[in-house]
C-alpha atoms as a PDB file:
ATOM      1  CA  MET A   1      33.650  66.775-132.797  1.00  0.00           C
ATOM      2  CA  GLU A   2      34.404  66.544-136.119  1.00  0.00           C
ATOM      3  CA  THR A   3      38.197  67.110-137.562  1.00  0.00           C
ATOM      4  CA  CYS A   4      38.404  67.127-141.174  1.00  0.00           C
ATOM      5  CA  PHE A   5      41.583  66.157-143.012  1.00  0.00           C
ATOM      6  CA  TYR A   6      43.048  66.022-146.243  1.00  0.00           C
ATOM      7  CA  VAL A   7      44.301  62.336-147.367  1.00  0.00           C
ATOM      8  CA  GLN A   8      46.642  61.360-150.306  1.00  0.00           C
ATOM      9  CA  GLY A   9      46.522  58.119-151.946  1.00  0.00           C
ATOM     10  CA  MET A  10      43.328  56.625-150.971  1.00  0.00           C
ATOM     11  CA  LYS A  11      41.585  54.917-154.072  1.00  0.00           C
ATOM     12  CA  CYS A  12      39.268  52.022-153.051  1.00  0.00           C
ATOM     13  CA  ASP A  13      36.902  50.722-150.485  1.00  0.00           C
ATOM     14  CA  GLY A  14      39.826  48.209-149.346  1.00  0.00           C
ATOM     15  CA  CYS A  15      42.162  51.737-148.763  1.00  0.00           C
ATOM     16  CA  ILE A  16      39.065  52.661-146.725  1.00  0.00           C
ATOM     17  CA  ALA A  17      39.053  49.460-144.669  1.00  0.00           C
ATOM     18  CA  LYS A  18      42.497  49.825-143.954  1.00  0.00           C
ATOM     19  CA  ALA A  19      42.695  53.448-142.859  1.00  0.00           C
ATOM     20  CA  ARG A  20      39.647  52.975-140.812  1.00  0.00           C
ATOM     21  CA  GLU A  21      41.566  49.913-139.111  1.00  0.00           C
ATOM     22  CA  ALA A  22      44.373  52.074-138.373  1.00  0.00           C
ATOM     23  CA  LEU A  23      42.070  54.760-136.927  1.00  0.00           C
ATOM     24  CA  ALA A  24      40.386  52.070-134.671  1.00  0.00           C
ATOM     25  CA  ASP A  25      43.812  52.170-132.636  1.00  0.00           C
ATOM     26  CA  VAL A  26      43.760  56.090-132.045  1.00  0.00           C
ATOM     27  CA  PRO A  27      42.261  57.046-128.543  1.00  0.00           C
ATOM     28  CA  GLY A  28      38.817  58.833-129.155  1.00  0.00           C
ATOM     29  CA  VAL A  29      38.154  58.124-132.553  1.00  0.00           C
ATOM     30  CA  GLN A  30      34.441  57.090-132.676  1.00  0.00           C
ATOM     31  CA  SER A  31      33.761  57.165-136.522  1.00  0.00           C
ATOM     32  CA  ALA A  32      35.476  58.025-139.863  1.00  0.00           C
ATOM     33  CA  ASP A  33      33.878  58.772-143.122  1.00  0.00           C
ATOM     34  CA  PHE A  34      35.897  59.278-146.140  1.00  0.00           C
ATOM     35  CA  ASP A  35      35.499  60.760-149.435  1.00  0.00           C
ATOM     36  CA  LEU A  36      37.526  59.192-152.107  1.00  0.00           C
ATOM     37  CA  GLU A  37      36.769  61.766-154.989  1.00  0.00           C
ATOM     38  CA  ALA A  38      37.358  64.701-152.807  1.00  0.00           C
ATOM     39  CA  GLY A  39      40.444  62.774-151.172  1.00  0.00           C
ATOM     40  CA  THR A  40      39.327  64.078-147.193  1.00  0.00           C
ATOM     41  CA  ALA A  41      38.182  62.002-144.139  1.00  0.00           C
ATOM     42  CA  VAL A  42      35.883  63.396-141.513  1.00  0.00           C
ATOM     43  CA  VAL A  43      36.942  61.996-138.145  1.00  0.00           C
ATOM     44  CA  THR A  44      34.314  62.260-135.339  1.00  0.00           C
ATOM     45  CA  GLY A  45      35.423  62.138-131.637  1.00  0.00           C
ATOM     46  CA  ASP A  46      37.417  63.564-129.257  1.00  0.00           C
ATOM     47  CA  VAL A  47      40.771  62.920-130.735  1.00  0.00           C
ATOM     48  CA  ASP A  48      44.523  64.733-131.163  1.00  0.00           C
ATOM     49  CA  PRO A  49      44.898  65.320-135.061  1.00  0.00           C
ATOM     50  CA  GLN A  50      48.625  64.461-134.666  1.00  0.00           C
ATOM     51  CA  SER A  51      47.449  60.959-133.855  1.00  0.00           C
ATOM     52  CA  VAL A  52      45.056  60.647-136.460  1.00  0.00           C
ATOM     53  CA  ALA A  53      47.312  62.155-139.056  1.00  0.00           C
ATOM     54  CA  GLN A  54      49.978  59.920-137.712  1.00  0.00           C
ATOM     55  CA  ALA A  55      47.939  56.548-137.791  1.00  0.00           C
ATOM     56  CA  LEU A  56      46.797  57.376-141.343  1.00  0.00           C
ATOM     57  CA  ALA A  57      50.645  58.238-142.341  1.00  0.00           C
ATOM     58  CA  GLY A  58      51.308  54.537-140.766  1.00  0.00           C
ATOM     59  CA  VAL A  59      49.452  52.759-143.163  1.00  0.00           C
ATOM     60  CA  GLY A  60      50.644  54.736-146.310  1.00  0.00           C
ATOM     61  CA  TYR A  61      47.680  57.444-146.380  1.00  0.00           C
ATOM     62  CA  PRO A  62      49.832  60.682-145.564  1.00  0.00           C
ATOM     63  CA  ALA A  63      47.015  63.255-144.012  1.00  0.00           C
ATOM     64  CA  VAL A  64      46.918  66.828-142.691  1.00  0.00           C
ATOM     65  CA  VAL A  65      43.943  68.957-140.855  1.00  0.00           C
ATOM     66  CA  LYS A  66      42.234  70.727-143.498  1.00  0.00           C
ATOM     67  CA  SER A  67      41.883  74.193-142.170  1.00  0.00           C
ATOM     68  CA  ASP A  68      38.422  76.443-143.173  1.00  0.00           C
END
């Protein structure tokens, strides 16, 4: 299952590495792909979106679920 998020404040590959490290501690996360230009993240796995948003916010990248 994929969940898309809008993520603020990510500017470089270092930001992506920091965000991936934070998401590694979130239960159910299998992978995360980031698009710096669009300011989005696609998280794959059976995850609680609130947990993902909290983990990203905790390392300085506020995130909200992208609704279609």
